[in-house]
C-alpha atoms as a PDB file:
ATOM      1  CA  UNK A   1     116.560  -4.673 126.548  1.00  0.00           C
ATOM      2  CA  UNK A   2     114.855  -1.371 125.857  1.00  0.00           C
ATOM      3  CA  UNK A   3     115.099   1.057 128.714  1.00  0.00           C
ATOM      4  CA  UNK A   4     112.069   3.336 128.880  1.00  0.00           C
ATOM      5  CA  UNK A   5     110.651   5.510 131.588  1.00  0.00           C
ATOM      6  CA  UNK A   6     107.413   4.543 133.282  1.00  0.00           C
ATOM      7  CA  UNK A   7     104.553   7.053 133.184  1.00  0.00           C
ATOM      8  CA  UNK A   8     105.443   9.771 135.674  1.00  0.00           C
ATOM      9  CA  UNK A   9     105.721  13.514 136.003  1.00  0.00           C
ATOM     10  CA  UNK A  10     106.401  15.290 132.731  1.00  0.00           C
ATOM     11  CA  UNK A  11     109.977  15.394 131.483  1.00  0.00           C
ATOM     12  CA  UNK A  12     111.164  18.939 130.881  1.00  0.00           C
ATOM     13  CA  UNK A  13     114.178  20.333 129.098  1.00  0.00           C
ATOM     14  CA  UNK A  14     115.779  23.620 128.142  1.00  0.00           C
ATOM     15  CA  UNK A  15     118.700  25.147 126.305  1.00  0.00           C
ATOM     16  CA  UNK A  16     121.749  26.652 128.059  1.00  0.00           C
ATOM     17  CA  UNK A  17     120.429  30.229 127.964  1.00  0.00           C
ATOM     18  CA  UNK A  18     116.926  29.216 129.079  1.00  0.00           C
ATOM     19  CA  UNK A  19     115.252  30.823 126.076  1.00  0.00           C
ATOM     20  CA  UNK A  20     113.770  27.536 124.827  1.00  0.00           C
ATOM     21  CA  UNK A  21     111.896  25.038 126.977  1.00  0.00           C
ATOM     22  CA  UNK A  22     109.936  21.861 126.260  1.00  0.00           C
ATOM     23  CA  UNK A  23     107.753  19.314 128.012  1.00  0.00           C
ATOM     24  CA  UNK A  24     107.268  15.606 127.341  1.00  0.00           C
ATOM     25  CA  UNK A  25     104.162  13.947 128.714  1.00  0.00           C
ATOM     26  CA  UNK A  26     105.264  10.347 128.434  1.00  0.00           C
ATOM     27  CA  UNK A  27     108.442   8.359 128.239  1.00  0.00           C
ATOM     28  CA  UNK A  28     111.866   8.367 126.642  1.00  0.00           C
ATOM     29  CA  UNK A  29     113.346   5.159 125.217  1.00  0.00           C
ATOM     30  CA  UNK A  30     116.341   3.724 123.365  1.00  0.00           C
ATOM     31  CA  UNK A  31     118.940   5.959 125.014  1.00  0.00           C
ATOM     32  CA  UNK A  32     122.254   5.812 123.199  1.00  0.00           C
ATOM     33  CA  UNK A  33     125.515   7.514 122.582  1.00  0.00           C
ATOM     34  CA  UNK A  34     126.593   7.938 118.961  1.00  0.00           C
ATOM     35  CA  UNK A  35     130.280   8.293 118.151  1.00  0.00           C
ATOM     36  CA  UNK A  36     130.053   9.220 114.446  1.00  0.00           C
ATOM     37  CA  UNK A  37     131.890  12.313 113.192  1.00  0.00           C
ATOM     38  CA  UNK A  38     128.639  14.212 112.639  1.00  0.00           C
ATOM     39  CA  UNK A  39     127.565  13.736 116.273  1.00  0.00           C
ATOM     40  CA  UNK A  40     131.015  14.704 117.546  1.00  0.00           C
ATOM     41  CA  UNK A  41     130.756  17.992 115.650  1.00  0.00           C
ATOM     42  CA  UNK A  42     127.104  18.609 116.549  1.00  0.00           C
ATOM     43  CA  UNK A  43     127.645  17.960 120.257  1.00  0.00           C
ATOM     44  CA  UNK A  44     131.216  19.351 120.436  1.00  0.00           C
ATOM     45  CA  UNK A  45     132.349  16.229 122.259  1.00  0.00           C
ATOM     46  CA  UNK A  46     133.366  12.626 121.826  1.00  0.00           C
ATOM     47  CA  UNK A  47     129.750  11.512 121.236  1.00  0.00           C
ATOM     48  CA  UNK A  48     126.091  12.359 121.591  1.00  0.00           C
ATOM     49  CA  UNK A  49     123.706  11.401 124.378  1.00  0.00           C
ATOM     50  CA  UNK A  50     120.241  10.988 122.890  1.00  0.00           C
ATOM     51  CA  UNK A  51     116.948   9.227 123.643  1.00  0.00           C
ATOM     52  CA  UNK A  52     113.874   8.788 121.505  1.00  0.00           C
ATOM     53  CA  UNK A  53     110.546  10.240 122.556  1.00  0.00           C
ATOM     54  CA  UNK A  54     108.135   7.336 122.888  1.00  0.00           C
ATOM     55  CA  UNK A  55     105.543   7.503 120.069  1.00  0.00           C
ATOM     56  CA  UNK A  56     102.778   7.465 122.715  1.00  0.00           C
ATOM     57  CA  UNK A  57     104.231  10.573 124.402  1.00  0.00           C
ATOM     58  CA  UNK A  58     103.278  14.182 123.700  1.00  0.00           C
ATOM     59  CA  UNK A  59     106.116  16.620 123.011  1.00  0.00           C
ATOM     60  CA  UNK A  60     105.383  20.353 123.420  1.00  0.00           C
ATOM     61  CA  UNK A  61     107.570  23.432 123.051  1.00  0.00           C
ATOM     62  CA  UNK A  62     106.536  25.497 126.080  1.00  0.00           C
ATOM     63  CA  UNK A  63     108.744  28.539 125.520  1.00  0.00           C
ATOM     64  CA  UNK A  64     110.889  30.070 122.804  1.00  0.00           C
ATOM     65  CA  UNK A  65     109.993  27.919 119.808  1.00  0.00           C
ATOM     66  CA  UNK A  66     110.687  30.967 117.598  1.00  0.00           C
ATOM     67  CA  UNK A  67     114.338  30.794 118.754  1.00  0.00           C
ATOM     68  CA  UNK A  68     114.790  27.326 117.222  1.00  0.00           C
ATOM     69  CA  UNK A  69     117.021  26.894 114.228  1.00  0.00           C
ATOM     70  CA  UNK A  70     116.662  23.688 112.257  1.00  0.00           C
ATOM     71  CA  UNK A  71     119.400  21.913 110.343  1.00  0.00           C
ATOM     72  CA  UNK A  72     118.684  19.030 107.965  1.00  0.00           C
ATOM     73  CA  UNK A  73     121.385  16.394 108.403  1.00  0.00           C
ATOM     74  CA  UNK A  74     120.008  14.137 105.666  1.00  0.00           C
ATOM     75  CA  UNK A  75     116.713  13.945 103.757  1.00  0.00           C
ATOM     76  CA  UNK A  76     113.808  13.888 106.252  1.00  0.00           C
ATOM     77  CA  UNK A  77     116.124  14.005 109.305  1.00  0.00           C
ATOM     78  CA  UNK A  78     117.590  16.897 111.194  1.00  0.00           C
ATOM     79  CA  UNK A  79     118.402  18.683 114.399  1.00  0.00           C
ATOM     80  CA  UNK A  80     116.964  21.700 116.180  1.00  0.00           C
ATOM     81  CA  UNK A  81     119.086  24.011 118.275  1.00  0.00           C
ATOM     82  CA  UNK A  82     118.871  27.366 120.026  1.00  0.00           C
ATOM     83  CA  UNK A  83     119.776  30.294 117.779  1.00  0.00           C
ATOM     84  CA  UNK A  84     121.081  32.256 120.795  1.00  0.00           C
ATOM     85  CA  UNK A  85     123.209  29.797 122.769  1.00  0.00           C
ATOM     86  CA  UNK A  86     123.676  26.955 120.248  1.00  0.00           C
ATOM     87  CA  UNK A  87     122.360  24.128 122.451  1.00  0.00           C
ATOM     88  CA  UNK A  88     121.277  21.139 120.369  1.00  0.00           C
ATOM     89  CA  UNK A  89     117.869  20.237 121.807  1.00  0.00           C
ATOM     90  CA  UNK A  90     116.410  17.485 119.654  1.00  0.00           C
ATOM     91  CA  UNK A  91     116.533  15.340 116.581  1.00  0.00           C
ATOM     92  CA  UNK A  92     113.720  15.503 114.051  1.00  0.00           C
ATOM     93  CA  UNK A  93     112.184  13.187 111.487  1.00  0.00           C
ATOM     94  CA  UNK A  94     109.879  14.616 108.829  1.00  0.00           C
ATOM     95  CA  UNK A  95     109.666  17.864 110.776  1.00  0.00           C
ATOM     96  CA  UNK A  96     108.561  16.270 114.068  1.00  0.00           C
ATOM     97  CA  UNK A  97     110.610  15.763 117.207  1.00  0.00           C
ATOM     98  CA  UNK A  98     112.040  12.228 117.175  1.00  0.00           C
ATOM     99  CA  UNK A  99     114.183  12.382 120.299  1.00  0.00           C
ATOM    100  CA  UNK A 100     115.948  14.711 122.683  1.00  0.00           C
ATOM    101  CA  UNK A 101     119.528  15.329 123.657  1.00  0.00           C
ATOM    102  CA  UNK A 102     119.923  14.074 127.202  1.00  0.00           C
ATOM    103  CA  UNK A 103     122.211  16.935 128.195  1.00  0.00           C
ATOM    104  CA  UNK A 104     119.313  19.390 127.793  1.00  0.00           C
ATOM    105  CA  UNK A 105     116.872  17.413 129.944  1.00  0.00           C
ATOM    106  CA  UNK A 106     116.180  19.059 133.297  1.00  0.00           C
ATOM    107  CA  UNK A 107     116.639  16.497 136.076  1.00  0.00           C
ATOM    108  CA  UNK A 108     116.516  12.733 135.691  1.00  0.00           C
ATOM    109  CA  UNK A 109     115.254  11.656 132.258  1.00  0.00           C
ATOM    110  CA  UNK A 110     114.460   8.180 133.557  1.00  0.00           C
ATOM    111  CA  UNK A 111     116.764   6.398 131.107  1.00  0.00           C
ATOM    112  CA  UNK A 112     120.391   5.310 130.995  1.00  0.00           C
ATOM    113  CA  UNK A 113     122.628   4.996 127.956  1.00  0.00           C
ATOM    114  CA  UNK A 114     122.036   1.421 126.855  1.00  0.00           C
ATOM    115  CA  UNK A 115     124.277   1.338 123.796  1.00  0.00           C
ATOM    116  CA  UNK A 116     127.141   3.065 122.034  1.00  0.00           C
ATOM    117  CA  UNK A 117     126.725   3.183 118.266  1.00  0.00           C
ATOM    118  CA  UNK A 118     129.018   3.902 115.328  1.00  0.00           C
ATOM    119  CA  UNK A 119     132.051   3.180 117.487  1.00  0.00           C
ATOM    120  CA  UNK A 120     134.105   2.322 114.379  1.00  0.00           C
ATOM    121  CA  UNK A 121     133.844   6.057 113.616  1.00  0.00           C
ATOM    122  CA  UNK A 122     134.945   7.230 117.064  1.00  0.00           C
ATOM    123  CA  UNK A 123     137.665   9.839 117.405  1.00  0.00           C
ATOM    124  CA  UNK A 124     141.195   8.418 117.608  1.00  0.00           C
ATOM    125  CA  UNK A 125     141.652  10.107 120.993  1.00  0.00           C
ATOM    126  CA  UNK A 126     138.613   8.437 122.569  1.00  0.00           C
ATOM    127  CA  UNK A 127     138.998   5.282 124.629  1.00  0.00           C
ATOM    128  CA  UNK A 128     135.822   3.224 124.997  1.00  0.00           C
ATOM    129  CA  UNK A 129     135.253   1.780 128.473  1.00  0.00           C
ATOM    130  CA  UNK A 130     135.331  -1.993 128.732  1.00  0.00           C
ATOM    131  CA  UNK A 131     132.055  -3.821 129.013  1.00  0.00           C
ATOM    132  CA  UNK A 132     129.746  -1.278 127.347  1.00  0.00           C
ATOM    133  CA  UNK A 133     127.276  -2.473 124.728  1.00  0.00           C
ATOM    134  CA  UNK A 134     128.632  -1.138 121.464  1.00  0.00           C
ATOM    135  CA  UNK A 135     128.096  -1.557 117.760  1.00  0.00           C
ATOM    136  CA  UNK A 136     130.510  -0.771 114.902  1.00  0.00           C
ATOM    137  CA  UNK A 137     127.598   1.022 113.168  1.00  0.00           C
ATOM    138  CA  UNK A 138     123.940   1.098 114.226  1.00  0.00           C
ATOM    139  CA  UNK A 139     122.450  -1.713 116.308  1.00  0.00           C
ATOM    140  CA  UNK A 140     121.402  -4.674 114.111  1.00  0.00           C
ATOM    141  CA  UNK A 141     117.654  -4.394 114.725  1.00  0.00           C
ATOM    142  CA  UNK A 142     117.398  -0.596 114.463  1.00  0.00           C
ATOM    143  CA  UNK A 143     120.016   0.545 111.960  1.00  0.00           C
ATOM    144  CA  UNK A 144     117.774   3.091 110.250  1.00  0.00           C
ATOM    145  CA  UNK A 145     116.048   4.441 113.362  1.00  0.00           C
ATOM    146  CA  UNK A 146     119.252   4.744 115.359  1.00  0.00           C
ATOM    147  CA  UNK A 147     121.313   6.372 112.629  1.00  0.00           C
ATOM    148  CA  UNK A 148     118.942   8.952 111.341  1.00  0.00           C
ATOM    149  CA  UNK A 149     118.652  11.763 113.861  1.00  0.00           C
ATOM    150  CA  UNK A 150     121.845  11.545 115.855  1.00  0.00           C
END
């Protein structure tokens, strides 16, 4: 099951200091939480919370794009974060926004976490709740797409 938002009001997001803002005209999809060591460090927590921007949606930086700092995590993939407050705002693929971090979305993003990925890499102190959909690495049908930006 892919959980996507239906067409509705734009989705907006911002960093912790409010210097950077964005707007998504369209939907988010494939919400997930990644437990790999890179995501734990990037998000300063046990995992990430991330959803892809639907390819039919339009993503626009509405304020503070000059404050963005980009970090390439692997060839063609990376992250963008605020240079003032450090908030990780999005994942990128080939320089374009691929998805957003759900913690920076203002209000209800219209998705729920539908899977936990790379749980074999989770921190030893994390206990996974029973009954969640989880994969030792990426999900079987989307290994490359799910691993790349988060």
